[in-house]
């Protein structure tokens, strides 16, 4: 069985998701920035790394390597963050 779930993301976080989770998009859910993913809850859990960078903020050069841009989201406070799935160096 596959379902769509929301996972709260912070500027740098690790989220445990079922193996093979397909990231769909990023958005706001209440006060949280979330990524939406199609998951099979019966699959083994694996860690996935995410990072959010604010518009105009300096991007790190050594500790994170962007692998996949997920999307941009503007919070209720008017701040815009750009969410990436990343590889930890």
PDB file of N, CA and C in Angstrom:
ATOM      1  N   UNK A   1       0.843  -1.177   0.000  1.00  0.00           N
ATOM      2  CA  UNK A   1       0.000   0.000   0.000  1.00  0.00           C
ATOM      3  C   UNK A   1       0.891   1.244   0.000  1.00  0.00           C
ATOM      4  N   UNK A   2       0.584   2.188  -0.863  1.00  0.00           N
ATOM      5  CA  UNK A   2       1.330   3.439  -0.901  1.00  0.00           C
ATOM      6  C   UNK A   2       0.410   4.573  -0.463  1.00  0.00           C
ATOM      7  N   UNK A   3       0.987   5.547   0.250  1.00  0.00           N
ATOM      8  CA  UNK A   3       0.242   6.711   0.724  1.00  0.00           C
ATOM      9  C   UNK A   3       1.112   7.942   0.555  1.00  0.00           C
ATOM     10  N   UNK A   4       0.496   9.114   0.579  1.00  0.00           N
ATOM     11  CA  UNK A   4       1.239  10.372   0.580  1.00  0.00           C
ATOM     12  C   UNK A   4       1.282  10.871   2.014  1.00  0.00           C
ATOM     13  N   UNK A   5       2.493  11.150   2.495  1.00  0.00           N
ATOM     14  CA  UNK A   5       2.684  11.677   3.845  1.00  0.00           C
ATOM     15  C   UNK A   5       3.439  13.004   3.790  1.00  0.00           C
ATOM     16  N   UNK A   6       3.267  13.792   4.843  1.00  0.00           N
ATOM     17  CA  UNK A   6       3.986  15.059   4.985  1.00  0.00           C
ATOM     18  C   UNK A   6       5.027  14.902   6.085  1.00  0.00           C
ATOM     19  N   UNK A   7       6.222  15.425   5.837  1.00  0.00           N
ATOM     20  CA  UNK A   7       7.323  15.379   6.795  1.00  0.00           C
ATOM     21  C   UNK A   7       7.826  16.796   7.023  1.00  0.00           C
ATOM     22  N   UNK A   8       7.828  17.243   8.278  1.00  0.00           N
ATOM     23  CA  UNK A   8       8.311  18.584   8.601  1.00  0.00           C
ATOM     24  C   UNK A   8       9.815  18.660   8.356  1.00  0.00           C
ATOM     25  N   UNK A   9      10.251  19.759   7.733  1.00  0.00           N
ATOM     26  CA  UNK A   9      11.674  19.982   7.489  1.00  0.00           C
ATOM     27  C   UNK A   9      12.118  21.253   8.201  1.00  0.00           C
ATOM     28  N   UNK A  10      13.366  21.241   8.622  1.00  0.00           N
ATOM     29  CA  UNK A  10      14.003  22.402   9.239  1.00  0.00           C
ATOM     30  C   UNK A  10      15.207  22.761   8.373  1.00  0.00           C
ATOM     31  N   UNK A  11      15.909  23.856   8.677  1.00  0.00           N
ATOM     32  CA  UNK A  11      17.017  24.248   7.794  1.00  0.00           C
ATOM     33  C   UNK A  11      18.023  23.139   7.499  1.00  0.00           C
ATOM     34  N   UNK A  12      18.323  22.297   8.454  1.00  0.00           N
ATOM     35  CA  UNK A  12      19.172  21.124   8.228  1.00  0.00           C
ATOM     36  C   UNK A  12      18.589  19.990   9.045  1.00  0.00           C
ATOM     37  N   UNK A  13      18.172  18.933   8.376  1.00  0.00           N
ATOM     38  CA  UNK A  13      17.526  17.856   9.124  1.00  0.00           C
ATOM     39  C   UNK A  13      17.710  16.513   8.440  1.00  0.00           C
ATOM     40  N   UNK A  14      17.514  15.475   9.240  1.00  0.00           N
ATOM     41  CA  UNK A  14      17.484  14.104   8.758  1.00  0.00           C
ATOM     42  C   UNK A  14      16.078  13.595   9.035  1.00  0.00           C
ATOM     43  N   UNK A  15      15.450  13.032   8.010  1.00  0.00           N
ATOM     44  CA  UNK A  15      14.102  12.494   8.157  1.00  0.00           C
ATOM     45  C   UNK A  15      14.149  11.010   7.838  1.00  0.00           C
ATOM     46  N   UNK A  16      13.625  10.212   8.746  1.00  0.00           N
ATOM     47  CA  UNK A  16      13.520   8.773   8.512  1.00  0.00           C
ATOM     48  C   UNK A  16      12.281   8.514   7.672  1.00  0.00           C
ATOM     49  N   UNK A  17      12.498   7.961   6.477  1.00  0.00           N
ATOM     50  CA  UNK A  17      11.413   7.663   5.544  1.00  0.00           C
ATOM     51  C   UNK A  17      11.527   6.218   5.085  1.00  0.00           C
ATOM     52  N   UNK A  18      10.411   5.632   4.665  1.00  0.00           N
ATOM     53  CA  UNK A  18      10.491   4.287   4.097  1.00  0.00           C
ATOM     54  C   UNK A  18      11.374   4.281   2.843  1.00  0.00           C
ATOM     55  N   UNK A  19      12.116   3.221   2.678  1.00  0.00           N
ATOM     56  CA  UNK A  19      13.001   3.050   1.527  1.00  0.00           C
ATOM     57  C   UNK A  19      12.218   3.251   0.235  1.00  0.00           C
ATOM     58  N   UNK A  20      12.788   4.015  -0.691  1.00  0.00           N
ATOM     59  CA  UNK A  20      12.160   4.260  -1.983  1.00  0.00           C
ATOM     60  C   UNK A  20      11.126   5.370  -1.979  1.00  0.00           C
ATOM     61  N   UNK A  21      11.022   6.128  -0.877  1.00  0.00           N
ATOM     62  CA  UNK A  21      10.054   7.229  -0.824  1.00  0.00           C
ATOM     63  C   UNK A  21      10.302   8.179  -1.985  1.00  0.00           C
ATOM     64  N   UNK A  22       9.225   8.590  -2.641  1.00  0.00           N
ATOM     65  CA  UNK A  22       9.315   9.510  -3.786  1.00  0.00           C
ATOM     66  C   UNK A  22       8.883  10.896  -3.325  1.00  0.00           C
ATOM     67  N   UNK A  23       9.826  11.845  -3.280  1.00  0.00           N
ATOM     68  CA  UNK A  23       9.520  13.216  -2.869  1.00  0.00           C
ATOM     69  C   UNK A  23       8.717  13.884  -3.976  1.00  0.00           C
ATOM     70  N   UNK A  24       7.597  14.500  -3.598  1.00  0.00           N
ATOM     71  CA  UNK A  24       6.723  15.156  -4.563  1.00  0.00           C
ATOM     72  C   UNK A  24       6.913  16.658  -4.619  1.00  0.00           C
ATOM     73  N   UNK A  25       6.865  17.315  -3.444  1.00  0.00           N
ATOM     74  CA  UNK A  25       6.892  18.774  -3.414  1.00  0.00           C
ATOM     75  C   UNK A  25       7.153  19.248  -1.992  1.00  0.00           C
ATOM     76  N   UNK A  26       7.202  20.563  -1.860  1.00  0.00           N
ATOM     77  CA  UNK A  26       7.352  21.207  -0.555  1.00  0.00           C
ATOM     78  C   UNK A  26       6.202  22.199  -0.400  1.00  0.00           C
ATOM     79  N   UNK A  27       5.772  22.421   0.833  1.00  0.00           N
ATOM     80  CA  UNK A  27       4.685  23.361   1.075  1.00  0.00           C
ATOM     81  C   UNK A  27       4.588  23.712   2.547  1.00  0.00           C
ATOM     82  N   UNK A  28       3.545  24.424   2.878  1.00  0.00           N
ATOM     83  CA  UNK A  28       3.269  24.776   4.260  1.00  0.00           C
ATOM     84  C   UNK A  28       2.109  23.923   4.758  1.00  0.00           C
ATOM     85  N   UNK A  29       2.233  23.429   5.990  1.00  0.00           N
ATOM     86  CA  UNK A  29       1.145  22.723   6.653  1.00  0.00           C
ATOM     87  C   UNK A  29       1.066  23.308   8.054  1.00  0.00           C
ATOM     88  N   UNK A  30       0.068  24.155   8.264  1.00  0.00           N
ATOM     89  CA  UNK A  30       0.025  24.912   9.509  1.00  0.00           C
ATOM     90  C   UNK A  30       1.198  25.871   9.536  1.00  0.00           C
ATOM     91  N   UNK A  31       2.020  25.778  10.591  1.00  0.00           N
ATOM     92  CA  UNK A  31       3.207  26.630  10.706  1.00  0.00           C
ATOM     93  C   UNK A  31       4.482  25.928  10.256  1.00  0.00           C
ATOM     94  N   UNK A  32       4.348  24.689   9.776  1.00  0.00           N
ATOM     95  CA  UNK A  32       5.517  23.889   9.403  1.00  0.00           C
ATOM     96  C   UNK A  32       5.767  23.905   7.903  1.00  0.00           C
ATOM     97  N   UNK A  33       7.049  23.944   7.544  1.00  0.00           N
ATOM     98  CA  UNK A  33       7.462  23.676   6.166  1.00  0.00           C
ATOM     99  C   UNK A  33       7.551  22.156   6.071  1.00  0.00           C
ATOM    100  N   UNK A  34       6.909  21.575   5.062  1.00  0.00           N
ATOM    101  CA  UNK A  34       6.895  20.122   4.928  1.00  0.00           C
ATOM    102  C   UNK A  34       7.269  19.705   3.516  1.00  0.00           C
ATOM    103  N   UNK A  35       7.819  18.491   3.414  1.00  0.00           N
ATOM    104  CA  UNK A  35       7.957  17.842   2.119  1.00  0.00           C
ATOM    105  C   UNK A  35       6.894  16.753   2.072  1.00  0.00           C
ATOM    106  N   UNK A  36       6.272  16.618   0.907  1.00  0.00           N
ATOM    107  CA  UNK A  36       5.275  15.576   0.682  1.00  0.00           C
ATOM    108  C   UNK A  36       5.944  14.461  -0.097  1.00  0.00           C
ATOM    109  N   UNK A  37       5.652  13.216   0.296  1.00  0.00           N
ATOM    110  CA  UNK A  37       6.279  12.074  -0.359  1.00  0.00           C
ATOM    111  C   UNK A  37       5.293  10.922  -0.485  1.00  0.00           C
ATOM    112  N   UNK A  38       5.409  10.186  -1.593  1.00  0.00           N
ATOM    113  CA  UNK A  38       4.695   8.925  -1.738  1.00  0.00           C
ATOM    114  C   UNK A  38       5.557   7.866  -1.062  1.00  0.00           C
ATOM    115  N   UNK A  39       4.975   7.156  -0.108  1.00  0.00           N
ATOM    116  CA  UNK A  39       5.738   6.155   0.643  1.00  0.00           C
ATOM    117  C   UNK A  39       4.955   4.853   0.748  1.00  0.00           C
ATOM    118  N   UNK A  40       5.697   3.776   0.927  1.00  0.00           N
ATOM    119  CA  UNK A  40       5.118   2.487   1.287  1.00  0.00           C
ATOM    120  C   UNK A  40       5.514   2.257   2.742  1.00  0.00           C
ATOM    121  N   UNK A  41       4.582   2.440   3.682  1.00  0.00           N
ATOM    122  CA  UNK A  41       4.917   2.349   5.104  1.00  0.00           C
ATOM    123  C   UNK A  41       5.458   0.986   5.531  1.00  0.00           C
ATOM    124  N   UNK A  42       5.288  -0.033   4.703  1.00  0.00           N
ATOM    125  CA  UNK A  42       5.769  -1.374   5.042  1.00  0.00           C
ATOM    126  C   UNK A  42       7.239  -1.587   4.686  1.00  0.00           C
ATOM    127  N   UNK A  43       7.839  -0.635   3.966  1.00  0.00           N
ATOM    128  CA  UNK A  43       9.252  -0.745   3.574  1.00  0.00           C
ATOM    129  C   UNK A  43      10.148  -0.402   4.770  1.00  0.00           C
ATOM    130  N   UNK A  44      11.395  -0.897   4.763  1.00  0.00           N
ATOM    131  CA  UNK A  44      12.347  -0.535   5.828  1.00  0.00           C
ATOM    132  C   UNK A  44      12.608   0.978   5.831  1.00  0.00           C
ATOM    133  N   UNK A  45      12.911   1.506   7.000  1.00  0.00           N
ATOM    134  CA  UNK A  45      13.158   2.947   7.178  1.00  0.00           C
ATOM    135  C   UNK A  45      14.611   3.266   6.862  1.00  0.00           C
ATOM    136  N   UNK A  46      14.820   4.396   6.192  1.00  0.00           N
ATOM    137  CA  UNK A  46      16.164   4.858   5.853  1.00  0.00           C
ATOM    138  C   UNK A  46      16.242   6.368   6.074  1.00  0.00           C
ATOM    139  N   UNK A  47      17.389   6.883   6.518  1.00  0.00           N
ATOM    140  CA  UNK A  47      17.511   8.327   6.729  1.00  0.00           C
ATOM    141  C   UNK A  47      17.706   9.076   5.415  1.00  0.00           C
ATOM    142  N   UNK A  48      17.062  10.241   5.302  1.00  0.00           N
ATOM    143  CA  UNK A  48      17.226  11.142   4.149  1.00  0.00           C
ATOM    144  C   UNK A  48      17.592  12.512   4.710  1.00  0.00           C
ATOM    145  N   UNK A  49      18.528  13.189   4.063  1.00  0.00           N
ATOM    146  CA  UNK A  49      19.041  14.478   4.536  1.00  0.00           C
ATOM    147  C   UNK A  49      18.464  15.611   3.696  1.00  0.00           C
ATOM    148  N   UNK A  50      18.013  16.666   4.382  1.00  0.00           N
ATOM    149  CA  UNK A  50      17.429  17.824   3.721  1.00  0.00           C
ATOM    150  C   UNK A  50      18.048  19.103   4.272  1.00  0.00           C
ATOM    151  N   UNK A  51      18.060  20.131   3.447  1.00  0.00           N
ATOM    152  CA  UNK A  51      18.555  21.443   3.873  1.00  0.00           C
ATOM    153  C   UNK A  51      17.681  22.516   3.244  1.00  0.00           C
ATOM    154  N   UNK A  52      17.447  23.565   3.999  1.00  0.00           N
ATOM    155  CA  UNK A  52      16.705  24.713   3.502  1.00  0.00           C
ATOM    156  C   UNK A  52      17.577  25.953   3.575  1.00  0.00           C
ATOM    157  N   UNK A  53      17.568  26.733   2.519  1.00  0.00           N
ATOM    158  CA  UNK A  53      18.376  27.942   2.448  1.00  0.00           C
ATOM    159  C   UNK A  53      17.465  29.115   2.139  1.00  0.00           C
ATOM    160  N   UNK A  54      17.618  30.183   2.904  1.00  0.00           N
ATOM    161  CA  UNK A  54      16.803  31.368   2.689  1.00  0.00           C
ATOM    162  C   UNK A  54      17.279  32.163   1.483  1.00  0.00           C
ATOM    163  N   UNK A  55      16.351  32.857   0.851  1.00  0.00           N
ATOM    164  CA  UNK A  55      16.695  33.729  -0.262  1.00  0.00           C
ATOM    165  C   UNK A  55      17.700  34.776   0.225  1.00  0.00           C
ATOM    166  N   UNK A  56      18.792  34.929  -0.507  1.00  0.00           N
ATOM    167  CA  UNK A  56      19.814  35.913  -0.164  1.00  0.00           C
ATOM    168  C   UNK A  56      20.828  35.439   0.847  1.00  0.00           C
ATOM    169  N   UNK A  57      20.634  34.237   1.418  1.00  0.00           N
ATOM    170  CA  UNK A  57      21.598  33.712   2.387  1.00  0.00           C
ATOM    171  C   UNK A  57      22.728  33.006   1.656  1.00  0.00           C
ATOM    172  N   UNK A  58      23.916  33.075   2.249  1.00  0.00           N
ATOM    173  CA  UNK A  58      25.078  32.419   1.655  1.00  0.00           C
ATOM    174  C   UNK A  58      24.902  30.909   1.716  1.00  0.00           C
ATOM    175  N   UNK A  59      25.241  30.227   0.629  1.00  0.00           N
ATOM    176  CA  UNK A  59      25.166  28.771   0.597  1.00  0.00           C
ATOM    177  C   UNK A  59      26.461  28.185   1.140  1.00  0.00           C
ATOM    178  N   UNK A  60      26.365  27.105   1.917  1.00  0.00           N
ATOM    179  CA  UNK A  60      27.590  26.493   2.443  1.00  0.00           C
ATOM    180  C   UNK A  60      28.411  25.889   1.311  1.00  0.00           C
ATOM    181  N   UNK A  61      29.730  25.871   1.493  1.00  0.00           N
ATOM    182  CA  UNK A  61      30.581  25.383   0.414  1.00  0.00           C
ATOM    183  C   UNK A  61      31.151  23.999   0.679  1.00  0.00           C
ATOM    184  N   UNK A  62      31.172  23.544   1.938  1.00  0.00           N
ATOM    185  CA  UNK A  62      31.865  22.293   2.210  1.00  0.00           C
ATOM    186  C   UNK A  62      31.008  21.200   2.836  1.00  0.00           C
ATOM    187  N   UNK A  63      30.090  21.541   3.717  1.00  0.00           N
ATOM    188  CA  UNK A  63      29.450  20.494   4.502  1.00  0.00           C
ATOM    189  C   UNK A  63      28.241  19.848   3.841  1.00  0.00           C
ATOM    190  N   UNK A  64      27.623  20.510   2.879  1.00  0.00           N
ATOM    191  CA  UNK A  64      26.482  19.933   2.187  1.00  0.00           C
ATOM    192  C   UNK A  64      26.689  20.059   0.679  1.00  0.00           C
ATOM    193  N   UNK A  65      26.306  19.056  -0.029  1.00  0.00           N
ATOM    194  CA  UNK A  65      26.320  19.098  -1.481  1.00  0.00           C
ATOM    195  C   UNK A  65      24.894  18.875  -1.960  1.00  0.00           C
ATOM    196  N   UNK A  66      24.317  19.838  -2.618  1.00  0.00           N
ATOM    197  CA  UNK A  66      22.944  19.713  -3.099  1.00  0.00           C
ATOM    198  C   UNK A  66      22.858  18.598  -4.128  1.00  0.00           C
ATOM    199  N   UNK A  67      21.936  17.696  -3.913  1.00  0.00           N
ATOM    200  CA  UNK A  67      21.702  16.620  -4.866  1.00  0.00           C
ATOM    201  C   UNK A  67      20.458  16.880  -5.684  1.00  0.00           C
ATOM    202  N   UNK A  68      19.404  17.337  -5.036  1.00  0.00           N
ATOM    203  CA  UNK A  68      18.155  17.518  -5.750  1.00  0.00           C
ATOM    204  C   UNK A  68      17.372  18.679  -5.152  1.00  0.00           C
ATOM    205  N   UNK A  69      17.006  19.618  -5.995  1.00  0.00           N
ATOM    206  CA  UNK A  69      16.150  20.714  -5.585  1.00  0.00           C
ATOM    207  C   UNK A  69      14.734  20.177  -5.468  1.00  0.00           C
ATOM    208  N   UNK A  70      14.096  20.398  -4.304  1.00  0.00           N
ATOM    209  CA  UNK A  70      12.736  19.921  -4.067  1.00  0.00           C
ATOM    210  C   UNK A  70      11.727  21.003  -4.421  1.00  0.00           C
ATOM    211  N   UNK A  71      11.996  22.234  -3.970  1.00  0.00           N
ATOM    212  CA  UNK A  71      11.077  23.321  -4.259  1.00  0.00           C
ATOM    213  C   UNK A  71      11.309  24.492  -3.326  1.00  0.00           C
ATOM    214  N   UNK A  72      10.571  25.559  -3.570  1.00  0.00           N
ATOM    215  CA  UNK A  72      10.650  26.766  -2.732  1.00  0.00           C
ATOM    216  C   UNK A  72       9.312  26.970  -2.061  1.00  0.00           C
ATOM    217  N   UNK A  73       9.366  27.547  -0.874  1.00  0.00           N
ATOM    218  CA  UNK A  73       8.137  27.781  -0.111  1.00  0.00           C
ATOM    219  C   UNK A  73       8.277  29.101   0.634  1.00  0.00           C
ATOM    220  N   UNK A  74       7.197  29.859   0.679  1.00  0.00           N
ATOM    221  CA  UNK A  74       7.161  31.096   1.439  1.00  0.00           C
ATOM    222  C   UNK A  74       6.324  30.865   2.685  1.00  0.00           C
ATOM    223  N   UNK A  75       6.914  31.165   3.850  1.00  0.00           N
ATOM    224  CA  UNK A  75       6.221  30.954   5.117  1.00  0.00           C
ATOM    225  C   UNK A  75       5.152  32.026   5.322  1.00  0.00           C
ATOM    226  N   UNK A  76       4.328  31.832   6.339  1.00  0.00           N
ATOM    227  CA  UNK A  76       3.284  32.799   6.665  1.00  0.00           C
ATOM    228  C   UNK A  76       3.888  34.147   7.079  1.00  0.00           C
ATOM    229  N   UNK A  77       5.156  34.118   7.513  1.00  0.00           N
ATOM    230  CA  UNK A  77       5.847  35.351   7.905  1.00  0.00           C
ATOM    231  C   UNK A  77       6.477  36.054   6.704  1.00  0.00           C
ATOM    232  N   UNK A  78       6.374  35.461   5.523  1.00  0.00           N
ATOM    233  CA  UNK A  78       6.908  36.086   4.322  1.00  0.00           C
ATOM    234  C   UNK A  78       8.340  35.708   3.988  1.00  0.00           C
ATOM    235  N   UNK A  79       8.927  34.746   4.706  1.00  0.00           N
ATOM    236  CA  UNK A  79      10.288  34.293   4.414  1.00  0.00           C
ATOM    237  C   UNK A  79      10.232  33.166   3.387  1.00  0.00           C
ATOM    238  N   UNK A  80      11.140  33.201   2.418  1.00  0.00           N
ATOM    239  CA  UNK A  80      11.164  32.159   1.396  1.00  0.00           C
ATOM    240  C   UNK A  80      12.379  31.270   1.601  1.00  0.00           C
ATOM    241  N   UNK A  81      12.120  29.956   1.615  1.00  0.00           N
ATOM    242  CA  UNK A  81      13.180  28.952   1.765  1.00  0.00           C
ATOM    243  C   UNK A  81      13.176  28.043   0.556  1.00  0.00           C
ATOM    244  N   UNK A  82      14.380  27.602   0.185  1.00  0.00           N
ATOM    245  CA  UNK A  82      14.583  26.723  -0.959  1.00  0.00           C
ATOM    246  C   UNK A  82      15.097  25.401  -0.397  1.00  0.00           C
ATOM    247  N   UNK A  83      14.331  24.335  -0.608  1.00  0.00           N
ATOM    248  CA  UNK A  83      14.592  23.057   0.030  1.00  0.00           C
ATOM    249  C   UNK A  83      15.280  22.115  -0.947  1.00  0.00           C
ATOM    250  N   UNK A  84      16.360  21.486  -0.466  1.00  0.00           N
ATOM    251  CA  UNK A  84      17.140  20.536  -1.241  1.00  0.00           C
ATOM    252  C   UNK A  84      17.254  19.230  -0.479  1.00  0.00           C
ATOM    253  N   UNK A  85      17.285  18.116  -1.212  1.00  0.00           N
ATOM    254  CA  UNK A  85      17.753  16.879  -0.613  1.00  0.00           C
ATOM    255  C   UNK A  85      19.257  16.910  -0.822  1.00  0.00           C
ATOM    256  N   UNK A  86      20.017  16.560   0.209  1.00  0.00           N
ATOM    257  CA  UNK A  86      21.464  16.763   0.164  1.00  0.00           C
ATOM    258  C   UNK A  86      22.224  15.498   0.532  1.00  0.00           C
ATOM    259  N   UNK A  87      23.487  15.523   0.184  1.00  0.00           N
ATOM    260  CA  UNK A  87      24.443  14.507   0.560  1.00  0.00           C
ATOM    261  C   UNK A  87      25.378  15.138   1.587  1.00  0.00           C
ATOM    262  N   UNK A  88      25.547  14.498   2.709  1.00  0.00           N
ATOM    263  CA  UNK A  88      26.429  15.042   3.742  1.00  0.00           C
ATOM    264  C   UNK A  88      27.861  14.678   3.405  1.00  0.00           C
ATOM    265  N   UNK A  89      28.722  15.704   3.316  1.00  0.00           N
ATOM    266  CA  UNK A  89      30.125  15.482   2.957  1.00  0.00           C
ATOM    267  C   UNK A  89      30.926  15.013   4.160  1.00  0.00           C
TER     268      UNK A  89
END
